[in-house]
Amino acid sequence: MKPNTDAIIGRLVGIANAHGIETVSTTDSEELEKLLSENRNDALCVVVIGGDGTVLRAVSAASPRDIPVLGVNLGRVGFFSEISVDEFERAVALLQSGQFHIERSAMLNCTVNGENMGNCLNDFAIHRQELASITHIELVIDGDSVGDVMADGLIVATPSGSTAYTMSAGGPVVAPKLECILVTPVCPHSLTVRPIVAAVDSEITVKLKCVCRLSLDGQNVKILYPDDEVGFRNSKRTAAFIRFGNRNVFKLIREKLR
């Protein structure tokens, strides 16, 4: 947590209260999930103060209850954030007058041997377990084997995730309205293994041939072993974001990732 976060939270809570809006604040992701589960489905939104990592954790708690997120950027990039701290009072007035819209972003679901591993907004990734090793997997899309993939890892991402880890690994930037699933190898050990854009309703299956790690939006969730079968598909959940205007994703990339 940044050193001045408490002061910023106090400032924004004061603004909201002055506008007659009841607030509950927390700096802990697990506490947020608990707060939202305690009969708070009538919440107007979850205000997230921080960078993209903080937003991703808040979306994990808010999306099961279809509560929209308003991002207030304190991070370096802040790709998901809508406003700065200084714009919060104006944002509250716009919220109260209904001058906003909800933007929905696709999420992905993952299972390991049929066990649900959760939902992500950006990406799931399969990583090599040891620095000196490589990831050896078989990739299957809609029942058709793509073949064995020898690489440092594999990323399965949403369109939102196309501007995150996937882009760093050489994957394509996807226009916001395109519905698809991105499958991107990380540092493949063969020139024939390239990023794949699959249909949004595709079933992506990865069959493990070595020990690996599975991560969800950058957070490690499970160790994978040979013969494990990992499935990825479009989630029934979506992430909801409060927006006050149209977003030019390509302009955001130029400004925030230069």
C-alpha atoms as a PDB file:
ATOM      1  CA  MET A   1       0.000   0.000   0.000  1.00  0.00           C
ATOM      2  CA  LYS A   2       1.343   3.415  -0.949  1.00  0.00           C
ATOM      3  CA  PRO A   3       2.313   5.675   2.011  1.00  0.00           C
ATOM      4  CA  ASN A   4      -0.400   8.278   1.366  1.00  0.00           C
ATOM      5  CA  THR A   5      -3.221   5.838   0.607  1.00  0.00           C
ATOM      6  CA  ASP A   6      -4.991   6.284   3.960  1.00  0.00           C
ATOM      7  CA  ALA A   7      -5.057  10.055   3.521  1.00  0.00           C
ATOM      8  CA  ILE A   8      -6.452   9.709  -0.009  1.00  0.00           C
ATOM      9  CA  ILE A   9      -9.129   7.269   1.164  1.00  0.00           C
ATOM     10  CA  GLY A  10     -10.138   9.710   3.898  1.00  0.00           C
ATOM     11  CA  ARG A  11     -10.357  12.538   1.379  1.00  0.00           C
ATOM     12  CA  LEU A  12     -12.551  10.584  -1.048  1.00  0.00           C
ATOM     13  CA  VAL A  13     -14.776   9.229   1.736  1.00  0.00           C
ATOM     14  CA  GLY A  14     -15.300  12.812   2.907  1.00  0.00           C
ATOM     15  CA  ILE A  15     -16.333  13.899  -0.593  1.00  0.00           C
ATOM     16  CA  ALA A  16     -18.774  11.000  -0.952  1.00  0.00           C
ATOM     17  CA  ASN A  17     -20.307  11.619   2.472  1.00  0.00           C
ATOM     18  CA  ALA A  18     -20.714  15.308   1.686  1.00  0.00           C
ATOM     19  CA  HIS A  19     -22.823  14.254  -1.306  1.00  0.00           C
ATOM     20  CA  GLY A  20     -24.984  12.032   0.899  1.00  0.00           C
ATOM     21  CA  ILE A  21     -23.423   8.753  -0.236  1.00  0.00           C
ATOM     22  CA  GLU A  22     -22.821   6.056   2.378  1.00  0.00           C
ATOM     23  CA  THR A  23     -19.388   4.482   2.166  1.00  0.00           C
ATOM     24  CA  VAL A  24     -17.537   1.510   3.628  1.00  0.00           C
ATOM     25  CA  SER A  25     -13.775   1.341   3.112  1.00  0.00           C
ATOM     26  CA  THR A  26     -11.141  -1.376   3.302  1.00  0.00           C
ATOM     27  CA  THR A  27      -7.579  -1.912   2.115  1.00  0.00           C
ATOM     28  CA  ASP A  28      -7.796  -5.719   2.128  1.00  0.00           C
ATOM     29  CA  SER A  29      -9.056  -7.821  -0.825  1.00  0.00           C
ATOM     30  CA  GLU A  30     -10.488 -10.573   1.376  1.00  0.00           C
ATOM     31  CA  GLU A  31     -12.255  -7.992   3.521  1.00  0.00           C
ATOM     32  CA  LEU A  32     -13.777  -6.490   0.358  1.00  0.00           C
ATOM     33  CA  GLU A  33     -15.209  -9.868  -0.611  1.00  0.00           C
ATOM     34  CA  LYS A  34     -16.684 -10.215   2.869  1.00  0.00           C
ATOM     35  CA  LEU A  35     -18.218  -6.733   2.749  1.00  0.00           C
ATOM     36  CA  LEU A  36     -19.814  -7.373  -0.642  1.00  0.00           C
ATOM     37  CA  SER A  37     -21.199 -10.722   0.483  1.00  0.00           C
ATOM     38  CA  GLU A  38     -22.954  -9.175   3.501  1.00  0.00           C
ATOM     39  CA  ASN A  39     -26.152  -8.050   1.774  1.00  0.00           C
ATOM     40  CA  ARG A  40     -24.415  -5.297  -0.209  1.00  0.00           C
ATOM     41  CA  ASN A  41     -25.751  -6.203  -3.640  1.00  0.00           C
ATOM     42  CA  ASP A  42     -27.435  -2.778  -3.635  1.00  0.00           C
ATOM     43  CA  ALA A  43     -24.036  -1.063  -3.758  1.00  0.00           C
ATOM     44  CA  LEU A  44     -23.773   1.632  -6.421  1.00  0.00           C
ATOM     45  CA  CYS A  45     -20.177   0.716  -7.204  1.00  0.00           C
ATOM     46  CA  VAL A  46     -16.808  -0.295  -5.820  1.00  0.00           C
ATOM     47  CA  VAL A  47     -14.340   2.594  -5.912  1.00  0.00           C
ATOM     48  CA  VAL A  48     -10.835   1.220  -6.363  1.00  0.00           C
ATOM     49  CA  ILE A  49      -7.897   3.457  -5.449  1.00  0.00           C
ATOM     50  CA  GLY A  50      -4.653   2.143  -6.885  1.00  0.00           C
ATOM     51  CA  GLY A  51      -3.120   0.656 -10.019  1.00  0.00           C
ATOM     52  CA  ASP A  52      -4.222  -2.084 -12.378  1.00  0.00           C
ATOM     53  CA  GLY A  53      -3.271  -4.869  -9.946  1.00  0.00           C
ATOM     54  CA  THR A  54      -5.610  -3.429  -7.327  1.00  0.00           C
ATOM     55  CA  VAL A  55      -8.393  -3.137  -9.906  1.00  0.00           C
ATOM     56  CA  LEU A  56      -7.951  -6.771 -10.934  1.00  0.00           C
ATOM     57  CA  ARG A  57      -8.335  -7.933  -7.327  1.00  0.00           C
ATOM     58  CA  ALA A  58     -11.421  -5.748  -6.844  1.00  0.00           C
ATOM     59  CA  VAL A  59     -13.024  -7.101 -10.022  1.00  0.00           C
ATOM     60  CA  SER A  60     -12.574 -10.622  -8.633  1.00  0.00           C
ATOM     61  CA  ALA A  61     -14.725  -9.633  -5.645  1.00  0.00           C
ATOM     62  CA  ALA A  62     -17.253  -7.443  -7.470  1.00  0.00           C
ATOM     63  CA  SER A  63     -17.958  -9.453 -10.639  1.00  0.00           C
ATOM     64  CA  PRO A  64     -19.844 -12.358  -8.937  1.00  0.00           C
ATOM     65  CA  ARG A  65     -22.348  -9.762  -7.685  1.00  0.00           C
ATOM     66  CA  ASP A  66     -22.359  -7.725 -10.916  1.00  0.00           C
ATOM     67  CA  ILE A  67     -21.274  -4.576  -9.074  1.00  0.00           C
ATOM     68  CA  PRO A  68     -19.493  -2.031 -11.308  1.00  0.00           C
ATOM     69  CA  VAL A  69     -16.003  -0.791 -10.526  1.00  0.00           C
ATOM     70  CA  LEU A  70     -14.771   2.811 -10.687  1.00  0.00           C
ATOM     71  CA  GLY A  71     -10.992   2.958 -10.873  1.00  0.00           C
ATOM     72  CA  VAL A  72      -9.095   5.909  -9.344  1.00  0.00           C
ATOM     73  CA  ASN A  73      -5.542   5.699 -10.586  1.00  0.00           C
ATOM     74  CA  LEU A  74      -2.561   5.750  -8.220  1.00  0.00           C
ATOM     75  CA  GLY A  75      -0.385   3.343 -10.188  1.00  0.00           C
ATOM     76  CA  ARG A  76       2.131   3.780 -12.983  1.00  0.00           C
ATOM     77  CA  VAL A  77      -0.109   2.658 -15.842  1.00  0.00           C
ATOM     78  CA  GLY A  78      -3.707   2.635 -14.612  1.00  0.00           C
ATOM     79  CA  PHE A  79      -5.089   1.173 -17.823  1.00  0.00           C
ATOM     80  CA  PHE A  80      -8.396   0.141 -16.206  1.00  0.00           C
ATOM     81  CA  SER A  81      -8.819   3.348 -14.199  1.00  0.00           C
ATOM     82  CA  GLU A  82     -11.290   6.013 -15.280  1.00  0.00           C
ATOM     83  CA  ILE A  83     -10.322   9.052 -13.203  1.00  0.00           C
ATOM     84  CA  SER A  84      -7.581  10.609 -11.081  1.00  0.00           C
ATOM     85  CA  VAL A  85      -7.963  11.525  -7.412  1.00  0.00           C
ATOM     86  CA  ASP A  86      -8.600  15.172  -8.309  1.00  0.00           C
ATOM     87  CA  GLU A  87     -11.482  14.184 -10.601  1.00  0.00           C
ATOM     88  CA  PHE A  88     -13.370  12.247  -7.925  1.00  0.00           C
ATOM     89  CA  GLU A  89     -15.760  15.007  -6.804  1.00  0.00           C
ATOM     90  CA  ARG A  90     -16.875  15.631 -10.380  1.00  0.00           C
ATOM     91  CA  ALA A  91     -17.275  11.862 -10.839  1.00  0.00           C
ATOM     92  CA  VAL A  92     -19.573  11.651  -7.801  1.00  0.00           C
ATOM     93  CA  ALA A  93     -21.779  14.395  -9.244  1.00  0.00           C
ATOM     94  CA  LEU A  94     -21.962  12.564 -12.580  1.00  0.00           C
ATOM     95  CA  LEU A  95     -22.845   9.308 -10.832  1.00  0.00           C
ATOM     96  CA  GLN A  96     -25.668  10.955  -8.917  1.00  0.00           C
ATOM     97  CA  SER A  97     -27.079  12.539 -12.077  1.00  0.00           C
ATOM     98  CA  GLY A  98     -26.841   9.305 -14.049  1.00  0.00           C
ATOM     99  CA  GLN A  99     -24.327  10.692 -16.548  1.00  0.00           C
ATOM    100  CA  PHE A 100     -22.296   7.526 -16.966  1.00  0.00           C
ATOM    101  CA  HIS A 101     -22.473   4.170 -18.723  1.00  0.00           C
ATOM    102  CA  ILE A 102     -21.400   0.642 -17.851  1.00  0.00           C
ATOM    103  CA  GLU A 103     -18.685  -0.962 -19.939  1.00  0.00           C
ATOM    104  CA  ARG A 104     -18.581  -4.751 -19.773  1.00  0.00           C
ATOM    105  CA  SER A 105     -15.427  -6.757 -20.330  1.00  0.00           C
ATOM    106  CA  ALA A 106     -15.235 -10.484 -20.970  1.00  0.00           C
ATOM    107  CA  MET A 107     -13.672 -12.820 -18.434  1.00  0.00           C
ATOM    108  CA  LEU A 108     -12.194 -16.313 -18.729  1.00  0.00           C
ATOM    109  CA  ASN A 109     -12.842 -19.400 -16.639  1.00  0.00           C
ATOM    110  CA  CYS A 110     -10.279 -22.114 -15.919  1.00  0.00           C
ATOM    111  CA  THR A 111     -10.530 -25.696 -14.676  1.00  0.00           C
ATOM    112  CA  VAL A 112      -7.835 -28.208 -13.755  1.00  0.00           C
ATOM    113  CA  ASN A 113      -8.950 -31.831 -14.122  1.00  0.00           C
ATOM    114  CA  GLY A 114     -12.533 -30.554 -13.912  1.00  0.00           C
ATOM    115  CA  GLU A 115     -11.954 -28.512 -10.739  1.00  0.00           C
ATOM    116  CA  ASN A 116     -12.868 -24.830 -11.034  1.00  0.00           C
ATOM    117  CA  MET A 117      -9.872 -22.510 -10.596  1.00  0.00           C
ATOM    118  CA  GLY A 118     -11.805 -19.253 -10.892  1.00  0.00           C
ATOM    119  CA  ASN A 119     -12.259 -16.428 -13.379  1.00  0.00           C
ATOM    120  CA  CYS A 120      -9.838 -13.816 -14.688  1.00  0.00           C
ATOM    121  CA  LEU A 121     -10.208 -10.426 -16.371  1.00  0.00           C
ATOM    122  CA  ASN A 122      -6.812 -10.363 -18.100  1.00  0.00           C
ATOM    123  CA  ASP A 123      -5.212 -13.770 -18.380  1.00  0.00           C
ATOM    124  CA  PHE A 124      -4.357 -17.187 -17.099  1.00  0.00           C
ATOM    125  CA  ALA A 125      -0.765 -18.253 -17.616  1.00  0.00           C
ATOM    126  CA  ILE A 126       1.094 -21.543 -17.398  1.00  0.00           C
ATOM    127  CA  HIS A 127       4.715 -20.942 -16.360  1.00  0.00           C
ATOM    128  CA  ARG A 128       7.784 -23.115 -16.139  1.00  0.00           C
ATOM    129  CA  GLN A 129       8.404 -24.271 -12.583  1.00  0.00           C
ATOM    130  CA  GLU A 130      12.207 -24.028 -12.606  1.00  0.00           C
ATOM    131  CA  LEU A 131      14.338 -21.284 -14.151  1.00  0.00           C
ATOM    132  CA  ALA A 132      16.517 -23.770 -16.011  1.00  0.00           C
ATOM    133  CA  SER A 133      13.567 -25.746 -17.412  1.00  0.00           C
ATOM    134  CA  ILE A 134      11.089 -25.229 -20.239  1.00  0.00           C
ATOM    135  CA  THR A 135       7.339 -25.772 -20.366  1.00  0.00           C
ATOM    136  CA  HIS A 136       6.271 -28.825 -22.374  1.00  0.00           C
ATOM    137  CA  ILE A 137       2.545 -29.011 -23.098  1.00  0.00           C
ATOM    138  CA  GLU A 138       0.108 -30.189 -25.748  1.00  0.00           C
ATOM    139  CA  LEU A 139      -2.306 -27.491 -26.918  1.00  0.00           C
ATOM    140  CA  VAL A 140      -5.800 -28.465 -28.104  1.00  0.00           C
ATOM    141  CA  ILE A 141      -8.410 -26.029 -29.455  1.00  0.00           C
ATOM    142  CA  ASP A 142     -11.997 -27.206 -29.937  1.00  0.00           C
ATOM    143  CA  GLY A 143     -10.830 -30.816 -29.954  1.00  0.00           C
ATOM    144  CA  ASP A 144      -8.149 -30.287 -32.598  1.00  0.00           C
ATOM    145  CA  SER A 145      -4.560 -30.745 -31.484  1.00  0.00           C
ATOM    146  CA  VAL A 146      -2.355 -27.774 -32.302  1.00  0.00           C
ATOM    147  CA  GLY A 147       0.648 -29.870 -31.309  1.00  0.00           C
ATOM    148  CA  ASP A 148       3.278 -29.849 -28.608  1.00  0.00           C
ATOM    149  CA  VAL A 149       4.463 -26.448 -27.404  1.00  0.00           C
ATOM    150  CA  MET A 150       7.955 -26.086 -25.962  1.00  0.00           C
ATOM    151  CA  ALA A 151       8.285 -22.614 -24.437  1.00  0.00           C
ATOM    152  CA  ASP A 152       8.839 -20.619 -21.271  1.00  0.00           C
ATOM    153  CA  GLY A 153       5.077 -20.632 -20.803  1.00  0.00           C
ATOM    154  CA  LEU A 154       1.646 -20.112 -22.354  1.00  0.00           C
ATOM    155  CA  ILE A 155      -0.832 -17.248 -21.857  1.00  0.00           C
ATOM    156  CA  VAL A 156      -4.582 -17.565 -22.416  1.00  0.00           C
ATOM    157  CA  ALA A 157      -6.110 -14.094 -22.396  1.00  0.00           C
ATOM    158  CA  THR A 158      -9.228 -11.998 -22.924  1.00  0.00           C
ATOM    159  CA  PRO A 159      -9.321  -8.965 -25.249  1.00  0.00           C
ATOM    160  CA  SER A 160      -8.706  -6.811 -22.150  1.00  0.00           C
ATOM    161  CA  GLY A 161      -5.633  -8.896 -21.429  1.00  0.00           C
ATOM    162  CA  SER A 162      -4.256  -8.262 -24.914  1.00  0.00           C
ATOM    163  CA  THR A 163      -2.648  -5.056 -23.618  1.00  0.00           C
ATOM    164  CA  ALA A 164      -1.062  -6.751 -20.594  1.00  0.00           C
ATOM    165  CA  TYR A 165       1.213  -9.821 -20.337  1.00  0.00           C
ATOM    166  CA  THR A 166       0.097 -11.051 -23.771  1.00  0.00           C
ATOM    167  CA  MET A 167       1.336  -7.900 -25.498  1.00  0.00           C
ATOM    168  CA  SER A 168       4.699  -8.170 -23.713  1.00  0.00           C
ATOM    169  CA  ALA A 169       4.983 -11.747 -25.028  1.00  0.00           C
ATOM    170  CA  GLY A 170       4.418 -10.625 -28.621  1.00  0.00           C
ATOM    171  CA  GLY A 171       0.679 -11.240 -28.887  1.00  0.00           C
ATOM    172  CA  PRO A 172      -1.720  -8.997 -30.826  1.00  0.00           C
ATOM    173  CA  VAL A 173      -3.550  -5.947 -29.483  1.00  0.00           C
ATOM    174  CA  VAL A 174      -7.256  -6.683 -29.884  1.00  0.00           C
ATOM    175  CA  ALA A 175      -9.897  -4.055 -30.627  1.00  0.00           C
ATOM    176  CA  PRO A 176     -12.284  -3.740 -27.643  1.00  0.00           C
ATOM    177  CA  LYS A 177     -15.418  -4.925 -29.480  1.00  0.00           C
ATOM    178  CA  LEU A 178     -13.813  -8.081 -30.870  1.00  0.00           C
ATOM    179  CA  GLU A 179     -14.955 -11.215 -29.040  1.00  0.00           C
ATOM    180  CA  CYS A 180     -12.197 -13.806 -28.910  1.00  0.00           C
ATOM    181  CA  ILE A 181      -9.706 -15.731 -26.784  1.00  0.00           C
ATOM    182  CA  LEU A 182      -5.975 -15.173 -27.247  1.00  0.00           C
ATOM    183  CA  VAL A 183      -3.463 -18.002 -26.888  1.00  0.00           C
ATOM    184  CA  THR A 184       0.139 -16.775 -26.796  1.00  0.00           C
ATOM    185  CA  PRO A 185       3.309 -18.821 -26.194  1.00  0.00           C
ATOM    186  CA  VAL A 186       6.013 -17.162 -24.104  1.00  0.00           C
ATOM    187  CA  CYS A 187       9.445 -17.362 -25.763  1.00  0.00           C
ATOM    188  CA  PRO A 188       8.640 -20.475 -27.846  1.00  0.00           C
ATOM    189  CA  HIS A 189      11.506 -22.771 -28.723  1.00  0.00           C
ATOM    190  CA  SER A 190      10.223 -23.221 -32.279  1.00  0.00           C
ATOM    191  CA  LEU A 191       9.601 -20.673 -35.050  1.00  0.00           C
ATOM    192  CA  THR A 192       6.417 -22.541 -36.043  1.00  0.00           C
ATOM    193  CA  VAL A 193       4.645 -21.834 -32.733  1.00  0.00           C
ATOM    194  CA  ARG A 194       2.802 -18.525 -33.071  1.00  0.00           C
ATOM    195  CA  PRO A 195       0.063 -16.615 -31.170  1.00  0.00           C
ATOM    196  CA  ILE A 196      -3.474 -17.824 -31.939  1.00  0.00           C
ATOM    197  CA  VAL A 197      -6.734 -15.867 -31.937  1.00  0.00           C
ATOM    198  CA  ALA A 198      -9.549 -18.327 -31.177  1.00  0.00           C
ATOM    199  CA  ALA A 199     -13.312 -17.832 -31.270  1.00  0.00           C
ATOM    200  CA  VAL A 200     -14.946 -16.542 -28.094  1.00  0.00           C
ATOM    201  CA  ASP A 201     -16.840 -19.817 -27.614  1.00  0.00           C
ATOM    202  CA  SER A 202     -13.770 -22.006 -28.156  1.00  0.00           C
ATOM    203  CA  GLU A 203     -12.624 -24.565 -25.615  1.00  0.00           C
ATOM    204  CA  ILE A 204      -8.876 -24.358 -25.026  1.00  0.00           C
ATOM    205  CA  THR A 205      -7.308 -27.470 -23.495  1.00  0.00           C
ATOM    206  CA  VAL A 206      -3.737 -27.785 -22.278  1.00  0.00           C
ATOM    207  CA  LYS A 207      -2.327 -31.214 -21.459  1.00  0.00           C
ATOM    208  CA  LEU A 208       0.702 -31.062 -19.160  1.00  0.00           C
ATOM    209  CA  LYS A 209       3.867 -33.023 -19.851  1.00  0.00           C
ATOM    210  CA  CYS A 210       5.979 -31.451 -17.098  1.00  0.00           C
ATOM    211  CA  VAL A 211       5.618 -29.669 -13.743  1.00  0.00           C
ATOM    212  CA  CYS A 212       4.369 -26.076 -14.181  1.00  0.00           C
ATOM    213  CA  ARG A 213       2.638 -23.271 -12.310  1.00  0.00           C
ATOM    214  CA  LEU A 214      -0.792 -21.800 -13.086  1.00  0.00           C
ATOM    215  CA  SER A 215      -1.427 -18.107 -12.443  1.00  0.00           C
ATOM    216  CA  LEU A 216      -4.609 -16.023 -12.544  1.00  0.00           C
ATOM    217  CA  ASP A 217      -4.106 -12.328 -13.374  1.00  0.00           C
ATOM    218  CA  GLY A 218      -0.531 -12.568 -12.118  1.00  0.00           C
ATOM    219  CA  GLN A 219      -1.352 -14.450  -8.900  1.00  0.00           C
ATOM    220  CA  ASN A 220      -0.106 -18.040  -8.508  1.00  0.00           C
ATOM    221  CA  VAL A 221      -2.993 -20.421  -7.857  1.00  0.00           C
ATOM    222  CA  LYS A 222      -1.784 -23.999  -8.407  1.00  0.00           C
ATOM    223  CA  ILE A 223       1.122 -26.299  -9.204  1.00  0.00           C
ATOM    224  CA  LEU A 224       0.430 -28.433 -12.281  1.00  0.00           C
ATOM    225  CA  TYR A 225       1.802 -31.934 -12.857  1.00  0.00           C
ATOM    226  CA  PRO A 226       2.292 -34.230 -15.863  1.00  0.00           C
ATOM    227  CA  ASP A 227      -1.023 -35.606 -17.192  1.00  0.00           C
ATOM    228  CA  ASP A 228      -3.003 -32.741 -15.633  1.00  0.00           C
ATOM    229  CA  GLU A 229      -5.558 -31.282 -18.064  1.00  0.00           C
ATOM    230  CA  VAL A 230      -6.277 -27.558 -17.923  1.00  0.00           C
ATOM    231  CA  GLY A 231      -9.364 -26.127 -19.633  1.00  0.00           C
ATOM    232  CA  PHE A 232     -10.045 -22.515 -20.555  1.00  0.00           C
ATOM    233  CA  ARG A 233     -13.304 -21.062 -21.838  1.00  0.00           C
ATOM    234  CA  ASN A 234     -15.282 -17.849 -21.869  1.00  0.00           C
ATOM    235  CA  SER A 235     -16.736 -17.122 -18.421  1.00  0.00           C
ATOM    236  CA  LYS A 236     -20.398 -16.529 -17.689  1.00  0.00           C
ATOM    237  CA  ARG A 237     -19.249 -13.530 -15.642  1.00  0.00           C
ATOM    238  CA  THR A 238     -18.296 -10.145 -17.001  1.00  0.00           C
ATOM    239  CA  ALA A 239     -16.407  -7.287 -15.384  1.00  0.00           C
ATOM    240  CA  ALA A 240     -18.406  -4.054 -15.187  1.00  0.00           C
ATOM    241  CA  PHE A 241     -16.661  -0.672 -15.258  1.00  0.00           C
ATOM    242  CA  ILE A 242     -18.125   2.803 -14.800  1.00  0.00           C
ATOM    243  CA  ARG A 243     -17.233   5.072 -17.719  1.00  0.00           C
ATOM    244  CA  PHE A 244     -18.005   8.751 -18.203  1.00  0.00           C
ATOM    245  CA  GLY A 245     -17.081   8.921 -21.875  1.00  0.00           C
ATOM    246  CA  ASN A 246     -15.801   6.909 -24.805  1.00  0.00           C
ATOM    247  CA  ARG A 247     -12.383   5.263 -24.447  1.00  0.00           C
ATOM    248  CA  ASN A 248      -9.915   5.143 -27.309  1.00  0.00           C
ATOM    249  CA  VAL A 249      -7.931   2.042 -26.378  1.00  0.00           C
ATOM    250  CA  PHE A 250      -5.247   2.706 -28.960  1.00  0.00           C
ATOM    251  CA  LYS A 251      -4.719   6.233 -27.606  1.00  0.00           C
ATOM    252  CA  LEU A 252      -4.496   4.811 -24.075  1.00  0.00           C
ATOM    253  CA  ILE A 253      -1.815   2.382 -25.220  1.00  0.00           C
ATOM    254  CA  ARG A 254       0.222   5.207 -26.734  1.00  0.00           C
ATOM    255  CA  GLU A 255      -0.119   7.375 -23.619  1.00  0.00           C
ATOM    256  CA  LYS A 256       0.239   4.807 -20.858  1.00  0.00           C
ATOM    257  CA  LEU A 257       2.634   2.244 -22.336  1.00  0.00           C
ATOM    258  CA  ARG A 258       5.138   4.473 -24.112  1.00  0.00           C
END
